[in-house]
Amino acid sequence: MSDKRKRQLMENLDRCYKVVQQKRTGISANDVAVEIKKHRTTVHGYLNTLELMKKVYSEHGLWYPKTSLNKEKTKEDSENFKFYVEHGLITKKEIDTYSAAKTLLEILPKDSQQYLITKLLIIHFNQKIESLKKIKETLE
């Protein structure tokens, strides 16, 4: 496959994924096809590829975006965040800012300055969380 075709495929996958992300309550493949102006069988191929990439999943004929964290990880993070706040290691505002930044990262154009700033914020927060995990281990 040529570089041009690869780029077109990635752009189409990205367009398809963005449509699914906008419809968090689920969207049919036919509706995605209408949105991105592609044939429905082509869109099914895109959605299946996105599913293999673990970006979307299908349930009862509707497609949904996958969240970046699974439920177990979210529960563990929630418990850790509660511990950090209770012990004054982090503020609730920092956690809210981090959550907002993760959501923003999904919708900002990757070539924008805001995307890069948001990405840096998340990297910084993740480094802080790793340090806090070590502190928590010593306190327990």
N, C-alpha and C. Protein backbone atom coordinates (compact mmCIF):
# COMPACT_ATOMS: atom_id res chain seq x y z
N MET A 1 0.85 -1.17 0.00
CA MET A 1 0.00 0.00 0.00
C MET A 1 0.90 1.24 0.00
N SER A 2 0.58 2.18 -0.86
CA SER A 2 1.39 3.40 -0.97
C SER A 2 1.18 4.29 0.26
N ASP A 3 2.11 5.21 0.45
CA ASP A 3 2.01 6.14 1.58
C ASP A 3 0.74 6.98 1.49
N LYS A 4 0.39 7.37 0.28
CA LYS A 4 -0.82 8.18 0.08
C LYS A 4 -2.06 7.41 0.50
N ARG A 5 -2.13 6.14 0.10
CA ARG A 5 -3.30 5.31 0.47
C ARG A 5 -3.33 5.06 1.98
N LYS A 6 -2.16 4.85 2.58
CA LYS A 6 -2.10 4.66 4.03
C LYS A 6 -2.60 5.90 4.75
N ARG A 7 -2.16 7.07 4.26
CA ARG A 7 -2.57 8.33 4.88
C ARG A 7 -4.09 8.51 4.74
N GLN A 8 -4.62 8.20 3.55
CA GLN A 8 -6.06 8.32 3.33
C GLN A 8 -6.84 7.37 4.25
N LEU A 9 -6.33 6.16 4.39
CA LEU A 9 -6.98 5.19 5.28
C LEU A 9 -6.99 5.72 6.72
N MET A 10 -5.85 6.21 7.17
CA MET A 10 -5.78 6.73 8.54
C MET A 10 -6.70 7.93 8.73
N GLU A 11 -6.78 8.79 7.73
CA GLU A 11 -7.69 9.94 7.81
C GLU A 11 -9.14 9.48 7.87
N ASN A 12 -9.49 8.48 7.07
CA ASN A 12 -10.86 7.96 7.09
C ASN A 12 -11.18 7.27 8.40
N LEU A 13 -10.22 6.52 8.94
CA LEU A 13 -10.42 5.89 10.25
C LEU A 13 -10.62 6.97 11.32
N ASP A 14 -9.84 8.02 11.24
CA ASP A 14 -9.95 9.12 12.20
C ASP A 14 -11.31 9.81 12.10
N ARG A 15 -11.75 10.07 10.87
CA ARG A 15 -13.07 10.69 10.68
C ARG A 15 -14.18 9.80 11.25
N CYS A 16 -14.07 8.52 10.96
CA CYS A 16 -15.06 7.55 11.45
C CYS A 16 -15.07 7.53 12.98
N TYR A 17 -13.89 7.50 13.58
CA TYR A 17 -13.77 7.47 15.04
C TYR A 17 -14.36 8.73 15.66
N LYS A 18 -14.11 9.88 15.06
CA LYS A 18 -14.64 11.13 15.59
C LYS A 18 -16.17 11.15 15.59
N VAL A 19 -16.76 10.59 14.54
CA VAL A 19 -18.23 10.52 14.48
C VAL A 19 -18.75 9.65 15.61
N VAL A 20 -18.11 8.50 15.84
CA VAL A 20 -18.53 7.60 16.92
C VAL A 20 -18.36 8.30 18.28
N GLN A 21 -17.26 9.04 18.44
CA GLN A 21 -17.02 9.75 19.71
C GLN A 21 -18.09 10.78 19.98
N GLN A 22 -18.57 11.44 18.94
CA GLN A 22 -19.58 12.49 19.12
C GLN A 22 -20.91 11.90 19.56
N LYS A 23 -21.17 10.67 19.22
CA LYS A 23 -22.44 10.01 19.56
C LYS A 23 -22.21 8.99 20.67
N ARG A 24 -21.94 9.47 21.85
CA ARG A 24 -21.61 8.58 22.97
C ARG A 24 -22.75 7.64 23.35
N THR A 25 -23.96 7.95 22.87
CA THR A 25 -25.09 7.07 23.15
C THR A 25 -25.22 5.96 22.12
N GLY A 26 -24.27 5.91 21.18
CA GLY A 26 -24.25 4.86 20.18
C GLY A 26 -24.72 5.37 18.82
N ILE A 27 -24.16 4.80 17.77
CA ILE A 27 -24.51 5.18 16.40
C ILE A 27 -24.39 3.95 15.52
N SER A 28 -25.30 3.83 14.56
CA SER A 28 -25.25 2.69 13.64
C SER A 28 -24.19 2.94 12.56
N ALA A 29 -23.74 1.87 11.96
CA ALA A 29 -22.75 1.98 10.88
C ALA A 29 -23.33 2.76 9.71
N ASN A 30 -24.63 2.58 9.45
CA ASN A 30 -25.27 3.32 8.36
C ASN A 30 -25.24 4.82 8.62
N ASP A 31 -25.49 5.21 9.86
CA ASP A 31 -25.46 6.64 10.20
C ASP A 31 -24.04 7.21 10.09
N VAL A 32 -23.05 6.41 10.47
CA VAL A 32 -21.65 6.83 10.32
C VAL A 32 -21.36 7.02 8.84
N ALA A 33 -21.84 6.09 8.00
CA ALA A 33 -21.61 6.17 6.56
C ALA A 33 -22.19 7.46 5.98
N VAL A 34 -23.37 7.83 6.43
CA VAL A 34 -23.99 9.07 5.96
C VAL A 34 -23.14 10.27 6.40
N GLU A 35 -22.70 10.26 7.65
CA GLU A 35 -21.91 11.36 8.20
C GLU A 35 -20.61 11.59 7.44
N ILE A 36 -19.90 10.50 7.11
CA ILE A 36 -18.58 10.66 6.48
C ILE A 36 -18.65 10.47 4.95
N LYS A 37 -19.87 10.28 4.44
CA LYS A 37 -20.10 10.16 3.00
C LYS A 37 -19.29 9.02 2.37
N LYS A 38 -19.39 7.86 2.99
CA LYS A 38 -18.76 6.64 2.47
C LYS A 38 -19.81 5.54 2.42
N HIS A 39 -19.56 4.52 1.58
CA HIS A 39 -20.49 3.39 1.48
C HIS A 39 -20.52 2.64 2.81
N ARG A 40 -21.68 2.08 3.16
CA ARG A 40 -21.84 1.42 4.47
C ARG A 40 -20.90 0.23 4.66
N THR A 41 -20.61 -0.52 3.58
CA THR A 41 -19.70 -1.65 3.74
C THR A 41 -18.27 -1.17 4.01
N THR A 42 -17.91 -0.05 3.41
CA THR A 42 -16.59 0.54 3.68
C THR A 42 -16.51 0.96 5.14
N VAL A 43 -17.58 1.57 5.61
CA VAL A 43 -17.62 2.03 7.01
C VAL A 43 -17.57 0.85 7.97
N HIS A 44 -18.24 -0.24 7.63
CA HIS A 44 -18.15 -1.44 8.47
C HIS A 44 -16.70 -1.90 8.59
N GLY A 45 -15.97 -1.84 7.50
CA GLY A 45 -14.55 -2.18 7.54
C GLY A 45 -13.77 -1.25 8.45
N TYR A 46 -14.06 0.06 8.36
CA TYR A 46 -13.40 1.03 9.23
C TYR A 46 -13.72 0.74 10.70
N LEU A 47 -14.99 0.50 10.98
CA LEU A 47 -15.40 0.24 12.37
C LEU A 47 -14.77 -1.04 12.91
N ASN A 48 -14.69 -2.06 12.08
CA ASN A 48 -14.04 -3.31 12.52
C ASN A 48 -12.56 -3.09 12.78
N THR A 49 -11.92 -2.27 11.96
CA THR A 49 -10.51 -1.93 12.18
C THR A 49 -10.36 -1.17 13.49
N LEU A 50 -11.23 -0.19 13.71
CA LEU A 50 -11.18 0.58 14.96
C LEU A 50 -11.44 -0.32 16.17
N GLU A 51 -12.28 -1.34 15.98
CA GLU A 51 -12.54 -2.28 17.07
C GLU A 51 -11.28 -3.10 17.37
N LEU A 52 -10.58 -3.52 16.35
CA LEU A 52 -9.32 -4.24 16.54
C LEU A 52 -8.27 -3.36 17.23
N MET A 53 -8.35 -2.05 16.97
CA MET A 53 -7.44 -1.09 17.58
C MET A 53 -7.89 -0.73 19.01
N LYS A 54 -9.01 -1.34 19.44
CA LYS A 54 -9.58 -1.13 20.77
C LYS A 54 -10.02 0.32 21.00
N LYS A 55 -10.52 0.95 19.92
CA LYS A 55 -11.01 2.32 20.03
C LYS A 55 -12.53 2.37 20.11
N VAL A 56 -13.21 1.37 19.56
CA VAL A 56 -14.67 1.32 19.57
C VAL A 56 -15.12 -0.11 19.88
N TYR A 57 -16.40 -0.22 20.21
CA TYR A 57 -16.99 -1.56 20.37
C TYR A 57 -18.43 -1.50 19.89
N SER A 58 -18.97 -2.64 19.54
CA SER A 58 -20.32 -2.73 19.02
C SER A 58 -21.21 -3.49 19.99
N GLU A 59 -22.42 -2.99 20.13
CA GLU A 59 -23.39 -3.65 21.00
C GLU A 59 -24.78 -3.43 20.44
N HIS A 60 -25.47 -4.50 20.10
CA HIS A 60 -26.84 -4.45 19.57
C HIS A 60 -26.94 -3.56 18.33
N GLY A 61 -25.96 -3.64 17.44
CA GLY A 61 -26.01 -2.89 16.19
C GLY A 61 -25.56 -1.45 16.28
N LEU A 62 -25.18 -1.01 17.47
CA LEU A 62 -24.70 0.37 17.63
C LEU A 62 -23.22 0.35 18.00
N TRP A 63 -22.52 1.38 17.59
CA TRP A 63 -21.08 1.51 17.86
C TRP A 63 -20.85 2.59 18.89
N TYR A 64 -19.95 2.31 19.81
CA TYR A 64 -19.63 3.22 20.91
C TYR A 64 -18.11 3.41 21.00
N PRO A 65 -17.69 4.59 21.46
CA PRO A 65 -16.25 4.76 21.69
C PRO A 65 -15.86 4.05 22.97
N LYS A 66 -14.67 3.47 22.97
CA LYS A 66 -14.16 2.87 24.21
C LYS A 66 -13.48 3.97 25.00
N THR A 67 -13.64 3.91 26.30
CA THR A 67 -12.93 4.86 27.14
C THR A 67 -11.50 4.39 27.27
N SER A 68 -10.62 5.32 27.58
CA SER A 68 -9.21 4.97 27.66
C SER A 68 -8.88 4.12 28.88
N LEU A 69 -9.73 4.15 29.87
CA LEU A 69 -9.49 3.36 31.08
C LEU A 69 -10.60 2.34 31.25
N ASN A 70 -10.23 1.13 31.61
CA ASN A 70 -11.27 0.14 31.88
C ASN A 70 -11.83 0.38 33.28
N LYS A 71 -12.92 -0.28 33.60
CA LYS A 71 -13.60 -0.02 34.88
C LYS A 71 -12.75 -0.32 36.10
N GLU A 72 -11.97 -1.42 36.04
CA GLU A 72 -11.11 -1.76 37.19
C GLU A 72 -10.08 -0.67 37.44
N LYS A 73 -9.46 -0.21 36.36
CA LYS A 73 -8.45 0.84 36.47
C LYS A 73 -9.08 2.13 37.01
N THR A 74 -10.28 2.46 36.54
CA THR A 74 -10.97 3.65 37.00
C THR A 74 -11.26 3.55 38.49
N LYS A 75 -11.70 2.36 38.95
CA LYS A 75 -12.00 2.17 40.36
C LYS A 75 -10.72 2.30 41.19
N GLU A 76 -9.63 1.70 40.72
CA GLU A 76 -8.35 1.79 41.43
C GLU A 76 -7.87 3.24 41.50
N ASP A 77 -7.96 3.95 40.37
CA ASP A 77 -7.55 5.36 40.34
C ASP A 77 -8.40 6.18 41.31
N SER A 78 -9.70 5.90 41.33
CA SER A 78 -10.61 6.64 42.20
C SER A 78 -10.23 6.44 43.67
N GLU A 79 -9.93 5.19 44.02
CA GLU A 79 -9.53 4.90 45.40
C GLU A 79 -8.20 5.58 45.74
N ASN A 80 -7.26 5.53 44.79
CA ASN A 80 -5.97 6.20 45.01
C ASN A 80 -6.13 7.70 45.14
N PHE A 81 -6.94 8.30 44.26
CA PHE A 81 -7.15 9.74 44.32
C PHE A 81 -7.75 10.14 45.67
N LYS A 82 -8.70 9.34 46.15
CA LYS A 82 -9.32 9.62 47.45
C LYS A 82 -8.26 9.62 48.55
N PHE A 83 -7.38 8.62 48.51
CA PHE A 83 -6.29 8.53 49.49
C PHE A 83 -5.39 9.75 49.42
N TYR A 84 -5.01 10.14 48.19
CA TYR A 84 -4.10 11.28 48.01
C TYR A 84 -4.72 12.58 48.54
N VAL A 85 -6.00 12.76 48.28
CA VAL A 85 -6.69 13.97 48.76
C VAL A 85 -6.78 13.96 50.29
N GLU A 86 -7.17 12.82 50.85
CA GLU A 86 -7.29 12.70 52.31
C GLU A 86 -5.98 12.99 53.03
N HIS A 87 -4.86 12.66 52.40
CA HIS A 87 -3.56 12.86 53.02
C HIS A 87 -2.87 14.15 52.56
N GLY A 88 -3.61 14.99 51.84
CA GLY A 88 -3.08 16.28 51.42
C GLY A 88 -1.98 16.20 50.39
N LEU A 89 -1.92 15.10 49.65
CA LEU A 89 -0.87 14.92 48.65
C LEU A 89 -1.26 15.53 47.30
N ILE A 90 -2.55 15.74 47.12
CA ILE A 90 -3.07 16.28 45.87
C ILE A 90 -4.40 16.96 46.17
N THR A 91 -4.77 17.92 45.35
CA THR A 91 -6.05 18.61 45.57
C THR A 91 -7.12 18.08 44.62
N LYS A 92 -8.35 18.26 45.01
CA LYS A 92 -9.48 17.86 44.16
C LYS A 92 -9.43 18.63 42.84
N LYS A 93 -9.01 19.90 42.90
CA LYS A 93 -8.92 20.72 41.69
C LYS A 93 -7.92 20.12 40.69
N GLU A 94 -6.80 19.59 41.19
CA GLU A 94 -5.82 18.96 40.29
C GLU A 94 -6.42 17.73 39.60
N ILE A 95 -7.19 16.96 40.34
CA ILE A 95 -7.83 15.78 39.76
C ILE A 95 -8.85 16.19 38.70
N ASP A 96 -9.65 17.23 39.00
CA ASP A 96 -10.64 17.71 38.04
C ASP A 96 -9.96 18.24 36.78
N THR A 97 -8.86 18.94 36.95
CA THR A 97 -8.11 19.48 35.81
C THR A 97 -7.58 18.35 34.95
N TYR A 98 -7.06 17.31 35.60
CA TYR A 98 -6.55 16.14 34.88
C TYR A 98 -7.66 15.46 34.07
N SER A 99 -8.82 15.28 34.70
CA SER A 99 -9.95 14.63 34.02
C SER A 99 -10.39 15.45 32.81
N ALA A 100 -10.46 16.76 32.97
CA ALA A 100 -10.85 17.64 31.86
C ALA A 100 -9.81 17.57 30.74
N ALA A 101 -8.54 17.53 31.11
CA ALA A 101 -7.47 17.47 30.12
C ALA A 101 -7.56 16.18 29.31
N LYS A 102 -7.86 15.05 29.96
CA LYS A 102 -7.97 13.77 29.24
C LYS A 102 -9.11 13.83 28.23
N THR A 103 -10.21 14.47 28.59
CA THR A 103 -11.34 14.61 27.68
C THR A 103 -10.96 15.53 26.52
N LEU A 104 -10.31 16.64 26.83
CA LEU A 104 -9.88 17.58 25.79
C LEU A 104 -8.95 16.93 24.79
N LEU A 105 -8.06 16.10 25.28
CA LEU A 105 -7.06 15.46 24.42
C LEU A 105 -7.74 14.65 23.32
N GLU A 106 -8.90 14.10 23.61
CA GLU A 106 -9.62 13.28 22.63
C GLU A 106 -10.26 14.10 21.52
N ILE A 107 -10.53 15.39 21.78
CA ILE A 107 -11.26 16.18 20.79
C ILE A 107 -10.42 17.27 20.11
N LEU A 108 -9.27 17.62 20.70
CA LEU A 108 -8.44 18.66 20.09
C LEU A 108 -7.71 18.14 18.87
N PRO A 109 -7.52 18.97 17.85
CA PRO A 109 -6.71 18.56 16.70
C PRO A 109 -5.28 18.30 17.14
N LYS A 110 -4.71 17.20 16.68
CA LYS A 110 -3.37 16.78 17.13
C LYS A 110 -2.27 17.76 16.76
N ASP A 111 -2.49 18.59 15.76
CA ASP A 111 -1.46 19.53 15.35
C ASP A 111 -1.61 20.91 15.99
N SER A 112 -2.52 21.03 16.96
CA SER A 112 -2.74 22.33 17.59
C SER A 112 -1.84 22.53 18.80
N GLN A 113 -1.61 23.78 19.12
CA GLN A 113 -0.79 24.12 20.28
C GLN A 113 -1.51 23.69 21.56
N GLN A 114 -2.82 23.83 21.59
CA GLN A 114 -3.59 23.42 22.76
C GLN A 114 -3.43 21.93 23.05
N TYR A 115 -3.37 21.12 21.98
CA TYR A 115 -3.19 19.69 22.14
C TYR A 115 -1.86 19.40 22.83
N LEU A 116 -0.80 20.07 22.37
CA LEU A 116 0.53 19.85 22.95
C LEU A 116 0.58 20.28 24.41
N ILE A 117 -0.01 21.42 24.72
CA ILE A 117 -0.04 21.91 26.10
C ILE A 117 -0.82 20.93 26.98
N THR A 118 -1.95 20.47 26.49
CA THR A 118 -2.78 19.51 27.24
C THR A 118 -2.02 18.21 27.45
N LYS A 119 -1.32 17.74 26.42
CA LYS A 119 -0.53 16.51 26.52
C LYS A 119 0.57 16.66 27.59
N LEU A 120 1.23 17.82 27.60
CA LEU A 120 2.26 18.07 28.62
C LEU A 120 1.65 18.08 30.02
N LEU A 121 0.48 18.66 30.17
CA LEU A 121 -0.21 18.68 31.47
C LEU A 121 -0.48 17.26 31.95
N ILE A 122 -0.94 16.42 31.06
CA ILE A 122 -1.24 15.03 31.41
C ILE A 122 0.04 14.28 31.77
N ILE A 123 1.09 14.48 31.00
CA ILE A 123 2.38 13.82 31.30
C ILE A 123 2.86 14.23 32.68
N HIS A 124 2.79 15.53 32.97
CA HIS A 124 3.22 16.03 34.28
C HIS A 124 2.38 15.40 35.40
N PHE A 125 1.07 15.35 35.21
CA PHE A 125 0.19 14.78 36.22
C PHE A 125 0.49 13.30 36.42
N ASN A 126 0.70 12.56 35.32
CA ASN A 126 1.01 11.13 35.43
C ASN A 126 2.31 10.89 36.19
N GLN A 127 3.30 11.76 35.99
CA GLN A 127 4.56 11.65 36.74
C GLN A 127 4.31 11.90 38.23
N LYS A 128 3.47 12.88 38.52
CA LYS A 128 3.14 13.17 39.92
C LYS A 128 2.42 11.97 40.55
N ILE A 129 1.50 11.37 39.82
CA ILE A 129 0.76 10.21 40.33
C ILE A 129 1.71 9.05 40.62
N GLU A 130 2.68 8.82 39.74
CA GLU A 130 3.66 7.75 39.98
C GLU A 130 4.44 8.00 41.27
N SER A 131 4.81 9.25 41.51
CA SER A 131 5.51 9.60 42.75
C SER A 131 4.60 9.38 43.96
N LEU A 132 3.33 9.75 43.82
CA LEU A 132 2.38 9.60 44.92
C LEU A 132 2.12 8.12 45.23
N LYS A 133 2.14 7.27 44.21
CA LYS A 133 1.96 5.83 44.45
C LYS A 133 3.08 5.30 45.34
N LYS A 134 4.30 5.77 45.09
CA LYS A 134 5.43 5.33 45.91
C LYS A 134 5.29 5.84 47.35
N ILE A 135 4.84 7.08 47.49
CA ILE A 135 4.61 7.63 48.84
C ILE A 135 3.53 6.84 49.56
N LYS A 136 2.45 6.50 48.84
CA LYS A 136 1.37 5.74 49.43
C LYS A 136 1.86 4.39 49.93
N GLU A 137 2.69 3.73 49.13
CA GLU A 137 3.23 2.42 49.53
C GLU A 137 4.03 2.51 50.82
N THR A 138 4.78 3.58 51.00
CA THR A 138 5.57 3.73 52.22
C THR A 138 4.70 4.07 53.43
N LEU A 139 3.55 4.73 53.18
CA LEU A 139 2.66 5.09 54.28
C LEU A 139 1.80 3.92 54.75
N GLU A 140 1.59 2.97 53.87
CA GLU A 140 0.70 1.84 54.23
C GLU A 140 1.43 0.76 54.97
